[in-house]
Amino acid sequence: MVRLLYRALYALLADFFSKNYTYHASAITFSAFLVLNAVVVFLGTVLKYVPGKEEVVARIYELFPEASAKVVDFLVRSVENLTVQTQVLTLLLVVFFLGNFLRTVEYAFAFVSGGEPRKIPLVNYFLPFIFGLLLLLYGVVDFAIGLLPEVLKRFHLYHPLVEPVLETIRWAVNYLAFPLGLLVIYRTLSPVPLRPSTTLGVSLLLMLLLNPLKGLFTWYATNFLVKNLVITPFAGILMFLVWLYVLALALLLGYRLILLLDGLKERRAA
């Protein structure tokens, strides 16, 4: 298995330097920036309706370095009291930009795999609703986990093991949310079939690699960018864009790694 992974990583680096991945990463970054601008406004208007919204907000901010999270938090709180009409309009913008973003990712996957993207990408406009429902479900589950011990105590059904079990469930949900989201994106938008086990494994690997990298971004922003008073207003936005670009590159390299591992497994099985 170690030898297989080594061969895949070597082929991945060789492929990265021989192909123009950075072009597609830039396109994904710009498209993601449009999405997130609309999403931030929309979140500010609807999060007040989500149970346990503070936990949901905290999980969202964990995706970004600290300096960028502060910018997002400021924008979200500044639009909390927008009208219902603005909420509906922003939702339409979110769906449109998300569909455009997913189409951009689909073309990038087609470039990496040598396949053909779908001619009519209807699924790209259904995925935003699916992810929205999953976000709502996540908020409900997190709220229920926090409330359940109090309910059990009230009905005299509480046991000391309840809270450790619930915290384990909460940890598992938080830990698997990101890789499962990547699994859905990879398998839905890939023009070629992918093995679920390989896709989930690479998604977990990306999560483990990106977490310390996010910490490095936070350290750099805190110790270099934010301390410079001249560029403080732009520091969070700068880190935000660079972080999106890193995520886009990681998305493409992860996809290529899945293809390489699947190909090596097929050759070994033949």
C-alpha atoms as a PDB file:
ATOM      1  CA  MET A   1       0.000   0.000   0.000  1.00  0.00           C
ATOM      2  CA  VAL A   2       2.882   2.393   0.853  1.00  0.00           C
ATOM      3  CA  ARG A   3       4.544   1.639  -2.473  1.00  0.00           C
ATOM      4  CA  LEU A   4       1.241   2.220  -4.284  1.00  0.00           C
ATOM      5  CA  LEU A   5       0.808   5.588  -2.557  1.00  0.00           C
ATOM      6  CA  TYR A   6       4.418   6.589  -3.343  1.00  0.00           C
ATOM      7  CA  ARG A   7       3.954   5.804  -7.033  1.00  0.00           C
ATOM      8  CA  ALA A   8       0.675   7.742  -7.085  1.00  0.00           C
ATOM      9  CA  LEU A   9       2.233  10.811  -5.415  1.00  0.00           C
ATOM     10  CA  TYR A  10       5.205  10.757  -7.820  1.00  0.00           C
ATOM     11  CA  ALA A  11       2.837  10.554 -10.806  1.00  0.00           C
ATOM     12  CA  LEU A  12       0.701  13.319  -9.269  1.00  0.00           C
ATOM     13  CA  LEU A  13       3.627  15.752  -9.015  1.00  0.00           C
ATOM     14  CA  ALA A  14       4.825  14.918 -12.523  1.00  0.00           C
ATOM     15  CA  ASP A  15       1.317  15.476 -13.868  1.00  0.00           C
ATOM     16  CA  PHE A  16       0.918  18.759 -11.970  1.00  0.00           C
ATOM     17  CA  PHE A  17       4.044  20.300 -13.493  1.00  0.00           C
ATOM     18  CA  SER A  18       3.295  19.046 -17.009  1.00  0.00           C
ATOM     19  CA  LYS A  19      -0.327  20.318 -17.121  1.00  0.00           C
ATOM     20  CA  ASN A  20      -1.827  23.755 -16.534  1.00  0.00           C
ATOM     21  CA  TYR A  21      -3.673  23.070 -13.275  1.00  0.00           C
ATOM     22  CA  THR A  22      -3.161  26.651 -12.085  1.00  0.00           C
ATOM     23  CA  TYR A  23      -5.445  28.046 -14.807  1.00  0.00           C
ATOM     24  CA  HIS A  24      -8.393  25.949 -13.655  1.00  0.00           C
ATOM     25  CA  ALA A  25      -7.546  26.637  -9.996  1.00  0.00           C
ATOM     26  CA  SER A  26      -7.744  30.378 -10.736  1.00  0.00           C
ATOM     27  CA  ALA A  27     -11.119  29.954 -12.456  1.00  0.00           C
ATOM     28  CA  ILE A  28     -12.453  27.950  -9.491  1.00  0.00           C
ATOM     29  CA  THR A  29     -11.121  30.586  -7.063  1.00  0.00           C
ATOM     30  CA  PHE A  30     -12.861  33.455  -8.855  1.00  0.00           C
ATOM     31  CA  SER A  31     -16.109  31.491  -9.125  1.00  0.00           C
ATOM     32  CA  ALA A  32     -15.901  30.521  -5.434  1.00  0.00           C
ATOM     33  CA  PHE A  33     -15.318  34.171  -4.494  1.00  0.00           C
ATOM     34  CA  LEU A  34     -18.567  35.149  -6.256  1.00  0.00           C
ATOM     35  CA  VAL A  35     -20.392  32.342  -4.463  1.00  0.00           C
ATOM     36  CA  LEU A  36     -19.073  33.264  -1.038  1.00  0.00           C
ATOM     37  CA  ASN A  37     -19.931  36.938  -1.447  1.00  0.00           C
ATOM     38  CA  ALA A  38     -23.554  35.960  -2.061  1.00  0.00           C
ATOM     39  CA  VAL A  39     -23.504  33.213   0.591  1.00  0.00           C
ATOM     40  CA  VAL A  40     -22.217  35.590   3.277  1.00  0.00           C
ATOM     41  CA  VAL A  41     -25.124  37.969   2.665  1.00  0.00           C
ATOM     42  CA  PHE A  42     -27.614  35.085   2.579  1.00  0.00           C
ATOM     43  CA  LEU A  43     -26.226  33.506   5.763  1.00  0.00           C
ATOM     44  CA  GLY A  44     -26.575  36.801   7.565  1.00  0.00           C
ATOM     45  CA  THR A  45     -30.288  36.819   6.768  1.00  0.00           C
ATOM     46  CA  VAL A  46     -31.214  33.174   7.423  1.00  0.00           C
ATOM     47  CA  LEU A  47     -28.918  31.951  10.208  1.00  0.00           C
ATOM     48  CA  LYS A  48     -31.199  33.520  12.809  1.00  0.00           C
ATOM     49  CA  TYR A  49     -33.774  30.854  11.844  1.00  0.00           C
ATOM     50  CA  VAL A  50     -31.333  27.909  12.232  1.00  0.00           C
ATOM     51  CA  PRO A  51     -31.391  26.074  15.602  1.00  0.00           C
ATOM     52  CA  GLY A  52     -28.036  26.243  17.386  1.00  0.00           C
ATOM     53  CA  LYS A  53     -26.797  28.867  14.940  1.00  0.00           C
ATOM     54  CA  GLU A  54     -23.702  29.748  17.004  1.00  0.00           C
ATOM     55  CA  GLU A  55     -22.339  26.223  16.562  1.00  0.00           C
ATOM     56  CA  VAL A  56     -23.119  26.270  12.841  1.00  0.00           C
ATOM     57  CA  VAL A  57     -21.399  29.653  12.455  1.00  0.00           C
ATOM     58  CA  ALA A  58     -18.366  28.391  14.378  1.00  0.00           C
ATOM     59  CA  ARG A  59     -18.056  25.384  12.044  1.00  0.00           C
ATOM     60  CA  ILE A  60     -18.301  27.639   8.973  1.00  0.00           C
ATOM     61  CA  TYR A  61     -15.592  29.963  10.294  1.00  0.00           C
ATOM     62  CA  GLU A  62     -13.305  26.977  10.936  1.00  0.00           C
ATOM     63  CA  LEU A  63     -12.943  26.636   7.151  1.00  0.00           C
ATOM     64  CA  PHE A  64     -11.045  29.928   6.970  1.00  0.00           C
ATOM     65  CA  PRO A  65      -7.883  31.373   8.545  1.00  0.00           C
ATOM     66  CA  GLU A  66      -8.592  33.625  11.524  1.00  0.00           C
ATOM     67  CA  ALA A  67      -8.124  36.952   9.714  1.00  0.00           C
ATOM     68  CA  SER A  68     -10.558  35.920   6.971  1.00  0.00           C
ATOM     69  CA  ALA A  69     -13.068  34.549   9.482  1.00  0.00           C
ATOM     70  CA  LYS A  70     -13.206  37.972  11.159  1.00  0.00           C
ATOM     71  CA  VAL A  71     -14.064  39.614   7.842  1.00  0.00           C
ATOM     72  CA  VAL A  72     -16.789  37.031   7.148  1.00  0.00           C
ATOM     73  CA  ASP A  73     -18.174  37.434  10.686  1.00  0.00           C
ATOM     74  CA  PHE A  74     -18.369  41.220  10.287  1.00  0.00           C
ATOM     75  CA  LEU A  75     -20.201  40.904   6.963  1.00  0.00           C
ATOM     76  CA  VAL A  76     -22.630  38.268   8.272  1.00  0.00           C
ATOM     77  CA  ARG A  77     -23.565  40.356  11.315  1.00  0.00           C
ATOM     78  CA  SER A  78     -23.955  43.518   9.234  1.00  0.00           C
ATOM     79  CA  VAL A  79     -26.736  42.003   7.104  1.00  0.00           C
ATOM     80  CA  GLU A  80     -28.738  40.139   9.769  1.00  0.00           C
ATOM     81  CA  ASN A  81     -31.751  42.430   9.479  1.00  0.00           C
ATOM     82  CA  LEU A  82     -32.250  42.525   5.717  1.00  0.00           C
ATOM     83  CA  THR A  83     -35.806  42.228   4.374  1.00  0.00           C
ATOM     84  CA  VAL A  84     -37.454  39.014   3.193  1.00  0.00           C
ATOM     85  CA  GLN A  85     -37.366  40.280  -0.418  1.00  0.00           C
ATOM     86  CA  THR A  86     -33.600  40.713  -0.145  1.00  0.00           C
ATOM     87  CA  GLN A  87     -33.303  37.210   1.318  1.00  0.00           C
ATOM     88  CA  VAL A  88     -35.168  35.712  -1.664  1.00  0.00           C
ATOM     89  CA  LEU A  89     -33.095  37.682  -4.179  1.00  0.00           C
ATOM     90  CA  THR A  90     -29.872  36.685  -2.441  1.00  0.00           C
ATOM     91  CA  LEU A  91     -30.958  33.038  -2.388  1.00  0.00           C
ATOM     92  CA  LEU A  92     -31.448  33.156  -6.167  1.00  0.00           C
ATOM     93  CA  LEU A  93     -27.980  34.682  -6.548  1.00  0.00           C
ATOM     94  CA  VAL A  94     -26.495  31.976  -4.309  1.00  0.00           C
ATOM     95  CA  VAL A  95     -28.109  29.213  -6.382  1.00  0.00           C
ATOM     96  CA  PHE A  96     -26.971  30.791  -9.662  1.00  0.00           C
ATOM     97  CA  PHE A  97     -23.390  31.380  -8.506  1.00  0.00           C
ATOM     98  CA  LEU A  98     -23.215  27.924  -6.919  1.00  0.00           C
ATOM     99  CA  GLY A  99     -24.379  26.336 -10.158  1.00  0.00           C
ATOM    100  CA  ASN A 100     -21.762  28.354 -12.028  1.00  0.00           C
ATOM    101  CA  PHE A 101     -19.090  27.330  -9.499  1.00  0.00           C
ATOM    102  CA  LEU A 102     -19.979  23.640  -9.771  1.00  0.00           C
ATOM    103  CA  ARG A 103     -19.931  23.887 -13.570  1.00  0.00           C
ATOM    104  CA  THR A 104     -16.442  25.419 -13.372  1.00  0.00           C
ATOM    105  CA  VAL A 105     -15.316  22.552 -11.132  1.00  0.00           C
ATOM    106  CA  GLU A 106     -16.901  20.053 -13.532  1.00  0.00           C
ATOM    107  CA  TYR A 107     -14.912  21.468 -16.463  1.00  0.00           C
ATOM    108  CA  ALA A 108     -11.741  21.352 -14.361  1.00  0.00           C
ATOM    109  CA  PHE A 109     -12.405  17.684 -13.518  1.00  0.00           C
ATOM    110  CA  ALA A 110     -12.991  16.970 -17.210  1.00  0.00           C
ATOM    111  CA  PHE A 111      -9.636  18.612 -17.994  1.00  0.00           C
ATOM    112  CA  VAL A 112      -7.832  16.536 -15.356  1.00  0.00           C
ATOM    113  CA  SER A 113      -9.482  13.221 -16.287  1.00  0.00           C
ATOM    114  CA  GLY A 114      -9.698  13.712 -20.047  1.00  0.00           C
ATOM    115  CA  GLY A 115     -13.465  13.105 -19.926  1.00  0.00           C
ATOM    116  CA  GLU A 116     -16.407  15.166 -21.164  1.00  0.00           C
ATOM    117  CA  PRO A 117     -18.613  17.321 -18.891  1.00  0.00           C
ATOM    118  CA  ARG A 118     -22.388  16.917 -19.028  1.00  0.00           C
ATOM    119  CA  LYS A 119     -24.103  18.893 -21.791  1.00  0.00           C
ATOM    120  CA  ILE A 120     -27.038  19.890 -19.558  1.00  0.00           C
ATOM    121  CA  PRO A 121     -25.758  20.321 -15.970  1.00  0.00           C
ATOM    122  CA  LEU A 122     -29.111  20.287 -14.164  1.00  0.00           C
ATOM    123  CA  VAL A 123     -27.622  18.516 -11.141  1.00  0.00           C
ATOM    124  CA  ASN A 124     -25.395  21.546 -10.510  1.00  0.00           C
ATOM    125  CA  TYR A 125     -28.484  23.577  -9.636  1.00  0.00           C
ATOM    126  CA  PHE A 126     -29.961  20.873  -7.402  1.00  0.00           C
ATOM    127  CA  LEU A 127     -26.799  20.405  -5.323  1.00  0.00           C
ATOM    128  CA  PRO A 128     -27.115  23.834  -3.635  1.00  0.00           C
ATOM    129  CA  PHE A 129     -30.534  22.857  -2.272  1.00  0.00           C
ATOM    130  CA  ILE A 130     -29.142  19.501  -1.099  1.00  0.00           C
ATOM    131  CA  PHE A 131     -26.254  21.200   0.706  1.00  0.00           C
ATOM    132  CA  GLY A 132     -28.667  23.764   2.172  1.00  0.00           C
ATOM    133  CA  LEU A 133     -30.860  20.983   3.574  1.00  0.00           C
ATOM    134  CA  LEU A 134     -27.763  19.212   4.941  1.00  0.00           C
ATOM    135  CA  LEU A 135     -26.687  22.450   6.645  1.00  0.00           C
ATOM    136  CA  LEU A 136     -30.128  22.787   8.217  1.00  0.00           C
ATOM    137  CA  LEU A 137     -30.033  19.116   9.279  1.00  0.00           C
ATOM    138  CA  TYR A 138     -26.575  19.652  10.774  1.00  0.00           C
ATOM    139  CA  GLY A 139     -27.911  22.549  12.844  1.00  0.00           C
ATOM    140  CA  VAL A 140     -30.899  20.492  14.030  1.00  0.00           C
ATOM    141  CA  VAL A 141     -28.716  17.483  14.970  1.00  0.00           C
ATOM    142  CA  ASP A 142     -26.193  19.671  16.807  1.00  0.00           C
ATOM    143  CA  PHE A 143     -29.001  21.451  18.665  1.00  0.00           C
ATOM    144  CA  ALA A 144     -30.660  18.121  19.566  1.00  0.00           C
ATOM    145  CA  ILE A 145     -27.381  16.675  20.884  1.00  0.00           C
ATOM    146  CA  GLY A 146     -26.948  19.706  23.137  1.00  0.00           C
ATOM    147  CA  LEU A 147     -30.563  19.584  24.363  1.00  0.00           C
ATOM    148  CA  LEU A 148     -30.949  15.818  24.895  1.00  0.00           C
ATOM    149  CA  PRO A 149     -29.096  15.578  28.263  1.00  0.00           C
ATOM    150  CA  GLU A 150     -31.402  18.221  29.786  1.00  0.00           C
ATOM    151  CA  VAL A 151     -34.483  16.392  28.491  1.00  0.00           C
ATOM    152  CA  LEU A 152     -33.261  13.078  29.915  1.00  0.00           C
ATOM    153  CA  LYS A 153     -32.543  14.706  33.284  1.00  0.00           C
ATOM    154  CA  ARG A 154     -36.054  16.135  33.379  1.00  0.00           C
ATOM    155  CA  PHE A 155     -37.584  12.672  32.857  1.00  0.00           C
ATOM    156  CA  HIS A 156     -35.098  11.015  35.258  1.00  0.00           C
ATOM    157  CA  LEU A 157     -33.579   8.932  32.448  1.00  0.00           C
ATOM    158  CA  TYR A 158     -30.125  10.494  32.559  1.00  0.00           C
ATOM    159  CA  HIS A 159     -27.007   8.301  32.821  1.00  0.00           C
ATOM    160  CA  PRO A 160     -23.391   9.546  33.189  1.00  0.00           C
ATOM    161  CA  LEU A 161     -22.456   7.806  29.939  1.00  0.00           C
ATOM    162  CA  VAL A 162     -24.978   9.843  27.938  1.00  0.00           C
ATOM    163  CA  GLU A 163     -22.829  12.955  27.564  1.00  0.00           C
ATOM    164  CA  PRO A 164     -19.610  11.132  26.499  1.00  0.00           C
ATOM    165  CA  VAL A 165     -21.616   9.171  23.910  1.00  0.00           C
ATOM    166  CA  LEU A 166     -23.272  12.332  22.578  1.00  0.00           C
ATOM    167  CA  GLU A 167     -19.926  14.163  22.433  1.00  0.00           C
ATOM    168  CA  THR A 168     -18.486  11.221  20.471  1.00  0.00           C
ATOM    169  CA  ILE A 169     -21.391  11.439  18.022  1.00  0.00           C
ATOM    170  CA  ARG A 170     -20.900  15.223  17.710  1.00  0.00           C
ATOM    171  CA  TRP A 171     -17.162  14.745  17.108  1.00  0.00           C
ATOM    172  CA  ALA A 172     -17.846  12.112  14.424  1.00  0.00           C
ATOM    173  CA  VAL A 173     -20.374  14.369  12.665  1.00  0.00           C
ATOM    174  CA  ASN A 174     -17.960  17.328  12.722  1.00  0.00           C
ATOM    175  CA  TYR A 175     -15.032  15.174  11.620  1.00  0.00           C
ATOM    176  CA  LEU A 176     -16.857  13.542   8.709  1.00  0.00           C
ATOM    177  CA  ALA A 177     -18.796  16.582   7.435  1.00  0.00           C
ATOM    178  CA  PHE A 178     -15.946  17.948   5.283  1.00  0.00           C
ATOM    179  CA  PRO A 179     -14.758  14.652   3.706  1.00  0.00           C
ATOM    180  CA  LEU A 180     -18.334  13.530   3.023  1.00  0.00           C
ATOM    181  CA  GLY A 181     -19.027  16.867   1.317  1.00  0.00           C
ATOM    182  CA  LEU A 182     -15.930  16.350  -0.843  1.00  0.00           C
ATOM    183  CA  LEU A 183     -17.064  12.804  -1.598  1.00  0.00           C
ATOM    184  CA  VAL A 184     -20.386  14.128  -2.912  1.00  0.00           C
ATOM    185  CA  ILE A 185     -18.655  16.780  -5.056  1.00  0.00           C
ATOM    186  CA  TYR A 186     -16.092  14.384  -6.511  1.00  0.00           C
ATOM    187  CA  ARG A 187     -18.539  11.603  -7.352  1.00  0.00           C
ATOM    188  CA  THR A 188     -21.285  13.929  -8.623  1.00  0.00           C
ATOM    189  CA  LEU A 189     -19.150  16.160 -10.852  1.00  0.00           C
ATOM    190  CA  SER A 190     -16.589  13.641 -12.099  1.00  0.00           C
ATOM    191  CA  PRO A 191     -17.099  12.714 -15.771  1.00  0.00           C
ATOM    192  CA  VAL A 192     -15.539   9.293 -15.055  1.00  0.00           C
ATOM    193  CA  PRO A 193     -16.600   6.786 -12.355  1.00  0.00           C
ATOM    194  CA  LEU A 194     -14.701   6.867  -9.043  1.00  0.00           C
ATOM    195  CA  ARG A 195     -14.357   4.208  -6.347  1.00  0.00           C
ATOM    196  CA  PRO A 196     -16.176   5.348  -3.163  1.00  0.00           C
ATOM    197  CA  SER A 197     -13.471   3.956  -0.849  1.00  0.00           C
ATOM    198  CA  THR A 198     -10.640   5.729  -2.687  1.00  0.00           C
ATOM    199  CA  THR A 199     -12.610   8.973  -2.894  1.00  0.00           C
ATOM    200  CA  LEU A 200     -13.412   8.972   0.824  1.00  0.00           C
ATOM    201  CA  GLY A 201      -9.802   8.101   1.706  1.00  0.00           C
ATOM    202  CA  VAL A 202      -8.389  10.977  -0.356  1.00  0.00           C
ATOM    203  CA  SER A 203     -11.042  13.343   1.063  1.00  0.00           C
ATOM    204  CA  LEU A 204      -9.925  12.441   4.600  1.00  0.00           C
ATOM    205  CA  LEU A 205      -6.287  12.933   3.566  1.00  0.00           C
ATOM    206  CA  LEU A 206      -7.070  16.402   2.211  1.00  0.00           C
ATOM    207  CA  MET A 207      -8.797  17.342   5.456  1.00  0.00           C
ATOM    208  CA  LEU A 208      -5.780  16.213   7.499  1.00  0.00           C
ATOM    209  CA  LEU A 209      -3.378  18.167   5.265  1.00  0.00           C
ATOM    210  CA  LEU A 210      -5.441  21.351   5.041  1.00  0.00           C
ATOM    211  CA  ASN A 211      -6.008  21.737   8.794  1.00  0.00           C
ATOM    212  CA  PRO A 212      -2.330  22.460   9.680  1.00  0.00           C
ATOM    213  CA  LEU A 213      -1.999  24.551   6.519  1.00  0.00           C
ATOM    214  CA  LYS A 214      -4.908  26.690   7.692  1.00  0.00           C
ATOM    215  CA  GLY A 215      -3.047  27.172  10.976  1.00  0.00           C
ATOM    216  CA  LEU A 216       0.012  28.359   9.036  1.00  0.00           C
ATOM    217  CA  PHE A 217      -2.147  30.881   7.172  1.00  0.00           C
ATOM    218  CA  THR A 218      -3.575  32.134  10.471  1.00  0.00           C
ATOM    219  CA  TRP A 219      -0.089  32.504  11.968  1.00  0.00           C
ATOM    220  CA  TYR A 220       1.139  34.426   8.928  1.00  0.00           C
ATOM    221  CA  ALA A 221      -1.876  36.731   8.899  1.00  0.00           C
ATOM    222  CA  THR A 222      -1.638  37.395  12.644  1.00  0.00           C
ATOM    223  CA  ASN A 223       2.119  37.983  12.801  1.00  0.00           C
ATOM    224  CA  PHE A 224       2.740  39.782   9.515  1.00  0.00           C
ATOM    225  CA  LEU A 225      -0.349  41.112   7.752  1.00  0.00           C
ATOM    226  CA  VAL A 226      -2.656  42.215  10.549  1.00  0.00           C
ATOM    227  CA  LYS A 227       0.150  43.954  12.486  1.00  0.00           C
ATOM    228  CA  ASN A 228       0.748  46.287   9.549  1.00  0.00           C
ATOM    229  CA  LEU A 229      -1.832  49.044  10.099  1.00  0.00           C
ATOM    230  CA  VAL A 230      -1.591  50.239   6.489  1.00  0.00           C
ATOM    231  CA  ILE A 231      -2.909  47.013   4.975  1.00  0.00           C
ATOM    232  CA  THR A 232      -5.066  45.759   7.849  1.00  0.00           C
ATOM    233  CA  PRO A 233      -8.370  46.428   5.977  1.00  0.00           C
ATOM    234  CA  PHE A 234      -7.118  44.292   3.092  1.00  0.00           C
ATOM    235  CA  ALA A 235      -5.296  41.578   5.046  1.00  0.00           C
ATOM    236  CA  GLY A 236      -8.365  39.403   5.598  1.00  0.00           C
ATOM    237  CA  ILE A 237      -9.498  39.696   1.977  1.00  0.00           C
ATOM    238  CA  LEU A 238      -5.994  38.904   0.717  1.00  0.00           C
ATOM    239  CA  MET A 239      -5.727  35.792   2.880  1.00  0.00           C
ATOM    240  CA  PHE A 240      -9.273  34.859   1.891  1.00  0.00           C
ATOM    241  CA  LEU A 241      -8.389  34.857  -1.832  1.00  0.00           C
ATOM    242  CA  VAL A 242      -5.086  33.044  -1.340  1.00  0.00           C
ATOM    243  CA  TRP A 243      -6.808  30.444   0.842  1.00  0.00           C
ATOM    244  CA  LEU A 244      -9.493  29.875  -1.809  1.00  0.00           C
ATOM    245  CA  TYR A 245      -6.743  29.365  -4.399  1.00  0.00           C
ATOM    246  CA  VAL A 246      -5.009  26.816  -2.159  1.00  0.00           C
ATOM    247  CA  LEU A 247      -8.319  24.975  -1.662  1.00  0.00           C
ATOM    248  CA  ALA A 248      -8.924  24.954  -5.432  1.00  0.00           C
ATOM    249  CA  LEU A 249      -5.476  23.462  -6.076  1.00  0.00           C
ATOM    250  CA  ALA A 250      -6.047  20.889  -3.322  1.00  0.00           C
ATOM    251  CA  LEU A 251      -9.415  19.972  -4.870  1.00  0.00           C
ATOM    252  CA  LEU A 252      -7.830  19.338  -8.284  1.00  0.00           C
ATOM    253  CA  LEU A 253      -4.784  17.507  -6.931  1.00  0.00           C
ATOM    254  CA  GLY A 254      -7.039  15.359  -4.751  1.00  0.00           C
ATOM    255  CA  TYR A 255      -9.154  14.477  -7.773  1.00  0.00           C
ATOM    256  CA  ARG A 256      -6.063  13.552  -9.780  1.00  0.00           C
ATOM    257  CA  LEU A 257      -4.795  11.425  -6.893  1.00  0.00           C
ATOM    258  CA  ILE A 258      -8.110   9.537  -6.820  1.00  0.00           C
ATOM    259  CA  LEU A 259      -7.813   8.815 -10.547  1.00  0.00           C
ATOM    260  CA  LEU A 260      -4.203   7.646 -10.173  1.00  0.00           C
ATOM    261  CA  LEU A 261      -4.981   5.363  -7.225  1.00  0.00           C
ATOM    262  CA  ASP A 262      -8.001   3.880  -9.011  1.00  0.00           C
ATOM    263  CA  GLY A 263      -5.875   3.290 -12.122  1.00  0.00           C
ATOM    264  CA  LEU A 264      -3.079   1.616 -10.141  1.00  0.00           C
ATOM    265  CA  LYS A 265      -5.589  -0.605  -8.330  1.00  0.00           C
ATOM    266  CA  GLU A 266      -7.125  -1.689 -11.631  1.00  0.00           C
ATOM    267  CA  ARG A 267      -3.697  -2.526 -13.071  1.00  0.00           C
ATOM    268  CA  ARG A 268      -2.795  -4.549  -9.996  1.00  0.00           C
ATOM    269  CA  ALA A 269      -6.099  -6.443 -10.170  1.00  0.00           C
ATOM    270  CA  ALA A 270      -5.701  -7.207 -13.910  1.00  0.00           C
END
